[in-house]
Amino acid sequence: MTDENKVIDLNHYRHEKFLEEDFLESLLDMTDEELDDYYDDLAFGQEHYDQEASAEIDELYPVYRALTSGDEEDKANFCYWHEDSQLDYFKNKFALGLFCKQNGLYIQALSHFQELLELDKADQVGAYYEVMAVLILLHRYDEVEAMVADKEVLDEQELVLLFVASLLADDIPSCRTYVSQLLEVNPYFTAFLDEDTFPLPQIMEAVNLEMVSSRSLDSLYFSFSRVLPILLTAYGFVHSYLINHFNEIALEEEVMLEELDFVTDKMRRELSYCGIFRLQDFADWTEEEILAIPGIGKVKLTKLKEAGAIFKK
């Protein structure tokens, strides 16, 4: 029987049961699985979980031993693992290497990445580039060069890392070679060079990218992000070299307007009145100022850009 006139003080009830308002609200936010775990804890005590955790640790111990020990017996047994288990191992090993690298433990990071390359011949997680990056962080530039000694064609990430290594080693001729190749491999490298300031914020954000399109600005940011610890202090030095190099290339590759087929005599005459005789002279003019010159419209402006003209912002 219930007393309909009885007043139940829920606040008093909560206080007596030690159920605070915040805790009650947290229960509402729990998933069904989380609630089940909580009820199991109430019903069976923490020992229930300790047993489960112990069983899980026993199962995973060989994996984590192989991750960290570098033991030859563990490596030998690895070939018998299931393919999916191997890939999981590669990912965990790679993550462990990144963790060491991000915390300045470069020797440990190098060890993990090199072991990955030894086990994963297909390099499914990109350990090869991380080996190059860590060697740069360790100032072992000759070993970086040795990694690509037998390669005839270098990809974008290799070129970025080799450029940084050469610059830090004060090997300016190699710097020029790698930057020139980057301009050929990634058309967006010109825009990268044309930045008023070094794009350090974008490079820092690129650390978290899981996938990037090749031959893009993002791929350049991602490639540079592999040596972020160096760039955090030396980005001004790197940016200064790139700007100076780009200006040198522009001077070496001077293009006169009469060499361009789409430039008519009238257009060339109008441009000469403004002191523009070479493609490089457009660097002192904005696009709007050029469009204001008689005989030059958007089509001609586009062709000038395609020919390599860079305009003032």
Protein backbone atom coordinates (compact mmCIF):
# COMPACT_ATOMS: atom_id res chain seq x y z
CA MET A 1 0.00 0.00 0.00
CA THR A 2 1.19 3.48 -0.78
CA ASP A 3 0.42 6.72 0.91
CA GLU A 4 -0.70 9.15 -1.79
CA ASN A 5 -0.18 12.10 0.55
CA LYS A 6 3.42 11.19 1.25
CA VAL A 7 5.94 13.64 -0.20
CA ILE A 8 9.20 12.15 -1.45
CA ASP A 9 12.13 14.55 -1.25
CA LEU A 10 14.32 13.49 -4.18
CA ASN A 11 17.06 15.91 -3.21
CA HIS A 12 17.25 14.29 0.21
CA TYR A 13 17.18 10.85 -1.46
CA ARG A 14 20.07 11.78 -3.71
CA HIS A 15 22.02 13.13 -0.78
CA GLU A 16 21.47 9.97 1.25
CA LYS A 17 22.52 7.76 -1.66
CA PHE A 18 25.53 9.96 -2.44
CA LEU A 19 24.18 10.54 -5.92
CA GLU A 20 25.17 14.05 -6.89
CA GLU A 21 23.49 15.95 -9.70
CA ASP A 22 26.53 15.86 -11.96
CA PHE A 23 26.85 12.11 -11.52
CA LEU A 24 23.18 11.53 -12.38
CA GLU A 25 23.60 13.59 -15.54
CA SER A 26 26.69 11.61 -16.45
CA LEU A 27 24.63 8.42 -16.29
CA LEU A 28 22.29 9.85 -18.90
CA ASP A 29 25.24 10.40 -21.24
CA MET A 30 26.49 6.82 -20.94
CA THR A 31 26.06 4.37 -23.78
CA ASP A 32 24.35 1.04 -23.15
CA GLU A 33 27.76 -0.66 -23.11
CA GLU A 34 29.13 1.80 -20.56
CA LEU A 35 26.07 1.32 -18.36
CA ASP A 36 26.47 -2.46 -18.53
CA ASP A 37 30.11 -2.11 -17.44
CA TYR A 38 29.08 0.16 -14.58
CA TYR A 39 26.40 -2.26 -13.38
CA ASP A 40 28.87 -5.17 -13.59
CA ASP A 41 31.25 -3.20 -11.45
CA LEU A 42 28.51 -2.63 -8.87
CA ALA A 43 27.39 -6.25 -8.97
CA PHE A 44 30.70 -8.13 -9.15
CA GLY A 45 33.24 -5.62 -7.91
CA GLN A 46 36.52 -4.52 -9.52
CA GLU A 47 37.89 -8.08 -9.45
CA HIS A 48 35.64 -8.87 -12.42
CA TYR A 49 37.55 -6.33 -14.49
CA ASP A 50 40.94 -7.26 -13.13
CA GLN A 51 40.46 -10.80 -14.44
CA GLU A 52 39.44 -9.56 -17.88
CA ALA A 53 42.33 -7.12 -18.01
CA SER A 54 44.77 -9.82 -16.96
CA ALA A 55 43.56 -12.12 -19.74
CA GLU A 56 43.88 -9.32 -22.30
CA ILE A 57 47.41 -8.46 -21.15
CA ASP A 58 48.42 -12.14 -21.40
CA GLU A 59 47.11 -12.20 -24.96
CA LEU A 60 48.76 -8.95 -26.07
CA TYR A 61 52.07 -9.36 -24.24
CA PRO A 62 53.86 -11.09 -27.17
CA VAL A 63 52.77 -8.27 -29.48
CA TYR A 64 54.06 -5.48 -27.26
CA ARG A 65 57.21 -7.44 -26.51
CA ALA A 66 57.86 -7.64 -30.24
CA LEU A 67 57.03 -3.95 -30.59
CA THR A 68 59.68 -2.80 -28.16
CA SER A 69 62.33 -5.48 -27.73
CA GLY A 70 63.80 -5.90 -31.21
CA ASP A 71 64.53 -9.49 -30.18
CA GLU A 72 65.69 -11.66 -33.11
CA GLU A 73 63.48 -14.57 -32.02
CA ASP A 74 60.43 -12.30 -32.03
CA LYS A 75 61.35 -11.12 -35.52
CA ALA A 76 61.78 -14.70 -36.72
CA ASN A 77 58.35 -15.71 -35.42
CA PHE A 78 56.74 -12.68 -37.05
CA CYS A 79 56.61 -14.30 -40.49
CA TYR A 80 54.09 -16.85 -39.16
CA TRP A 81 51.63 -14.19 -38.04
CA HIS A 82 48.34 -13.72 -39.87
CA GLU A 83 48.45 -10.93 -42.49
CA ASP A 84 45.91 -8.76 -40.61
CA SER A 85 47.86 -9.17 -37.38
CA GLN A 86 51.04 -8.15 -39.18
CA LEU A 87 49.42 -4.96 -40.49
CA ASP A 88 48.11 -4.11 -37.02
CA TYR A 89 51.63 -4.64 -35.72
CA PHE A 90 53.06 -2.35 -38.41
CA LYS A 91 50.62 0.41 -37.47
CA ASN A 92 51.33 0.07 -33.75
CA LYS A 93 55.08 -0.07 -34.32
CA PHE A 94 54.86 3.02 -36.54
CA ALA A 95 52.81 4.86 -33.89
CA LEU A 96 55.39 3.94 -31.26
CA GLY A 97 58.15 5.28 -33.51
CA LEU A 98 56.26 8.55 -34.01
CA PHE A 99 55.73 8.85 -30.27
CA CYS A 100 59.47 8.51 -29.67
CA LYS A 101 60.23 10.99 -32.44
CA GLN A 102 57.76 13.58 -31.14
CA ASN A 103 59.30 13.33 -27.68
CA GLY A 104 62.88 13.76 -28.88
CA LEU A 105 63.83 10.07 -28.49
CA TYR A 106 65.36 9.96 -31.95
CA ILE A 107 67.60 6.91 -31.49
CA GLN A 108 64.64 4.81 -30.27
CA ALA A 109 62.46 6.17 -33.07
CA LEU A 110 65.08 5.29 -35.68
CA SER A 111 65.32 1.76 -34.30
CA HIS A 112 61.56 1.22 -34.58
CA PHE A 113 61.34 2.61 -38.12
CA GLN A 114 64.35 0.63 -39.35
CA GLU A 115 62.94 -2.59 -37.87
CA LEU A 116 59.66 -1.82 -39.64
CA LEU A 117 61.44 -1.49 -42.97
CA GLU A 118 63.16 -4.81 -42.34
CA LEU A 119 59.88 -6.60 -41.62
CA ASP A 120 57.57 -4.77 -44.04
CA LYS A 121 59.26 -4.87 -47.43
CA ALA A 122 56.24 -3.15 -49.04
CA ASP A 123 56.51 -0.31 -46.50
CA GLN A 124 52.74 -0.07 -46.05
CA VAL A 125 52.93 2.63 -43.37
CA GLY A 126 55.68 4.89 -44.76
CA ALA A 127 58.55 4.00 -42.44
CA TYR A 128 61.08 4.71 -45.20
CA TYR A 129 60.42 8.47 -45.12
CA GLU A 130 60.48 8.50 -41.33
CA VAL A 131 63.92 6.87 -41.35
CA MET A 132 65.13 9.69 -43.61
CA ALA A 133 63.51 12.31 -41.37
CA VAL A 134 64.97 10.94 -38.13
CA LEU A 135 68.44 10.69 -39.67
CA ILE A 136 68.13 14.39 -40.51
CA LEU A 137 67.08 15.15 -36.92
CA LEU A 138 70.19 13.26 -35.81
CA HIS A 139 72.35 15.31 -38.25
CA ARG A 140 73.39 12.13 -40.08
CA TYR A 141 73.08 13.70 -43.51
CA ASP A 142 75.45 11.34 -45.35
CA GLU A 143 73.22 8.40 -44.44
CA VAL A 144 70.22 10.24 -45.87
CA GLU A 145 72.04 10.70 -49.17
CA ALA A 146 73.09 7.04 -49.12
CA MET A 147 69.43 5.94 -48.93
CA VAL A 148 68.75 7.37 -52.40
CA ALA A 149 72.15 6.77 -53.98
CA ASP A 150 70.87 4.06 -56.32
CA LYS A 151 67.61 5.80 -57.29
CA GLU A 152 67.37 7.46 -60.68
CA VAL A 153 64.06 9.26 -59.99
CA LEU A 154 63.22 10.87 -56.66
CA ASP A 155 59.69 11.50 -55.44
CA GLU A 156 58.39 14.66 -53.81
CA GLN A 157 58.86 13.58 -50.19
CA GLU A 158 62.42 12.44 -50.85
CA LEU A 159 63.25 15.74 -52.55
CA VAL A 160 61.88 17.81 -49.64
CA LEU A 161 63.84 15.79 -47.07
CA LEU A 162 67.01 15.82 -49.17
CA PHE A 163 66.71 19.57 -49.63
CA VAL A 164 66.48 20.11 -45.86
CA ALA A 165 69.39 17.74 -45.23
CA SER A 166 71.56 19.47 -47.85
CA LEU A 167 70.74 22.93 -46.52
CA LEU A 168 71.62 21.97 -42.95
CA ALA A 169 74.83 20.34 -44.19
CA ASP A 170 75.67 23.56 -46.08
CA ASP A 171 75.74 21.65 -49.37
CA ILE A 172 74.39 24.49 -51.50
CA PRO A 173 74.94 22.85 -54.94
CA SER A 174 72.77 19.90 -53.85
CA CYS A 175 70.18 22.33 -52.46
CA ARG A 176 69.87 23.97 -55.85
CA THR A 177 69.49 20.60 -57.55
CA TYR A 178 66.73 19.39 -55.23
CA VAL A 179 64.78 22.66 -55.33
CA SER A 180 64.93 22.70 -59.14
CA GLN A 181 63.63 19.13 -59.23
CA LEU A 182 60.85 20.01 -56.79
CA LEU A 183 59.73 22.80 -59.13
CA GLU A 184 59.38 20.17 -61.85
CA VAL A 185 57.71 17.51 -59.70
CA ASN A 186 55.14 19.69 -57.94
CA PRO A 187 53.74 22.74 -59.80
CA TYR A 188 52.48 24.15 -56.48
CA PHE A 189 56.01 24.55 -55.21
CA THR A 190 56.11 27.93 -56.96
CA ALA A 191 53.17 29.07 -54.82
CA PHE A 192 54.94 27.63 -51.77
CA LEU A 193 58.00 29.75 -52.59
CA ASP A 194 55.84 32.80 -53.23
CA GLU A 195 54.49 32.84 -49.64
CA ASP A 196 55.22 36.14 -47.86
CA THR A 197 56.03 34.17 -44.71
CA PHE A 198 57.06 30.57 -44.22
CA PRO A 199 53.86 28.47 -43.91
CA LEU A 200 54.77 26.99 -40.53
CA PRO A 201 51.13 26.87 -39.24
CA GLN A 202 50.04 24.84 -42.28
CA ILE A 203 53.02 22.51 -41.85
CA MET A 204 52.15 21.99 -38.19
CA GLU A 205 48.55 21.15 -39.10
CA ALA A 206 49.75 18.72 -41.79
CA VAL A 207 51.24 16.49 -39.08
CA ASN A 208 47.72 15.20 -38.42
CA LEU A 209 46.76 14.57 -42.05
CA GLU A 210 45.91 10.95 -42.75
CA MET A 211 45.80 11.30 -46.53
CA VAL A 212 47.03 13.92 -49.01
CA SER A 213 46.90 14.32 -52.77
CA SER A 214 50.28 14.16 -54.45
CA ARG A 215 51.62 17.20 -56.29
CA SER A 216 49.63 19.61 -54.12
CA LEU A 217 50.29 22.27 -51.49
CA ASP A 218 49.11 19.85 -48.81
CA SER A 219 51.63 17.24 -49.96
CA LEU A 220 54.40 19.83 -49.61
CA TYR A 221 53.22 20.80 -46.13
CA PHE A 222 53.07 17.14 -45.15
CA SER A 223 56.56 16.42 -46.51
CA PHE A 224 58.05 19.32 -44.56
CA SER A 225 56.13 18.28 -41.43
CA ARG A 226 58.32 15.15 -41.14
CA VAL A 227 61.18 17.38 -39.93
CA LEU A 228 58.98 19.77 -37.93
CA PRO A 229 61.31 19.81 -34.85
CA ILE A 230 64.00 21.43 -37.00
CA LEU A 231 61.62 23.83 -38.73
CA LEU A 232 60.30 25.14 -35.41
CA THR A 233 63.65 26.86 -34.89
CA ALA A 234 65.13 27.06 -38.40
CA TYR A 235 62.12 27.93 -40.56
CA GLY A 236 63.44 31.47 -41.14
CA PHE A 237 66.71 30.09 -42.46
CA VAL A 238 64.91 27.64 -44.76
CA HIS A 239 62.51 30.30 -46.04
CA SER A 240 65.30 32.79 -46.70
CA TYR A 241 67.21 30.26 -48.80
CA LEU A 242 64.12 29.33 -50.83
CA ILE A 243 63.31 32.96 -51.62
CA ASN A 244 66.88 33.74 -52.66
CA HIS A 245 67.09 30.58 -54.76
CA PHE A 246 63.82 31.37 -56.51
CA ASN A 247 65.03 34.89 -57.33
CA GLU A 248 68.27 33.47 -58.72
CA ILE A 249 66.38 31.07 -60.97
CA ALA A 250 64.21 33.93 -62.23
CA LEU A 251 67.30 35.95 -63.17
CA GLU A 252 69.01 32.99 -64.82
CA GLU A 253 65.91 32.20 -66.87
CA GLU A 254 65.25 35.75 -68.07
CA VAL A 255 62.57 35.80 -70.78
CA MET A 256 62.15 38.76 -73.13
CA LEU A 257 58.61 39.61 -74.27
CA GLU A 258 59.52 39.29 -77.95
CA GLU A 259 60.20 35.60 -77.29
CA LEU A 260 56.51 35.03 -76.45
CA ASP A 261 54.37 34.23 -79.49
CA PHE A 262 51.11 35.56 -78.02
CA VAL A 263 52.56 39.02 -77.31
CA THR A 264 51.61 41.27 -80.25
CA ASP A 265 53.64 44.29 -81.38
CA LYS A 266 50.94 46.61 -80.02
CA MET A 267 50.89 44.82 -76.65
CA ARG A 268 54.67 44.89 -76.42
CA ARG A 269 54.71 48.60 -77.27
CA GLU A 270 52.13 49.42 -74.58
CA LEU A 271 54.08 47.39 -72.02
CA SER A 272 57.35 49.09 -72.95
CA TYR A 273 55.77 52.45 -72.11
CA CYS A 274 55.43 51.08 -68.56
CA GLY A 275 59.02 49.85 -68.44
CA ILE A 276 58.06 46.19 -68.93
CA PHE A 277 60.40 44.39 -71.31
CA ARG A 278 60.91 41.00 -69.62
CA LEU A 279 58.59 38.43 -68.11
CA GLN A 280 60.28 39.08 -64.77
CA ASP A 281 59.29 42.77 -64.85
CA PHE A 282 55.67 41.89 -64.04
CA ALA A 283 56.77 41.17 -60.45
CA ASP A 284 56.51 44.95 -59.79
CA TRP A 285 52.91 45.13 -60.99
CA THR A 286 49.59 43.83 -59.69
CA GLU A 287 47.20 41.97 -61.97
CA GLU A 288 44.75 44.86 -61.72
CA GLU A 289 47.39 47.34 -62.89
CA ILE A 290 48.30 45.16 -65.88
CA LEU A 291 44.64 44.75 -66.86
CA ALA A 292 44.35 48.54 -66.94
CA ILE A 293 46.94 48.72 -69.75
CA PRO A 294 45.29 49.04 -73.20
CA GLY A 295 45.19 45.82 -75.21
CA ILE A 296 45.59 43.47 -72.23
CA GLY A 297 42.59 41.48 -71.05
CA LYS A 298 42.05 38.41 -68.92
CA VAL A 299 43.00 36.01 -71.72
CA LYS A 300 46.41 37.68 -72.20
CA LEU A 301 46.87 37.83 -68.43
CA THR A 302 46.26 34.09 -68.17
CA LYS A 303 48.79 33.41 -70.92
CA LEU A 304 51.36 35.56 -69.15
CA LYS A 305 50.86 33.51 -65.99
CA GLU A 306 51.21 30.27 -67.94
CA ALA A 307 54.48 31.59 -69.36
CA GLY A 308 55.77 32.10 -65.82
CA ALA A 309 54.91 35.72 -64.97
CA ILE A 310 54.48 36.40 -61.24
CA PHE A 311 52.57 39.49 -60.17
CA LYS A 312 52.78 41.64 -57.08
CA LYS A 313 50.07 40.93 -54.50
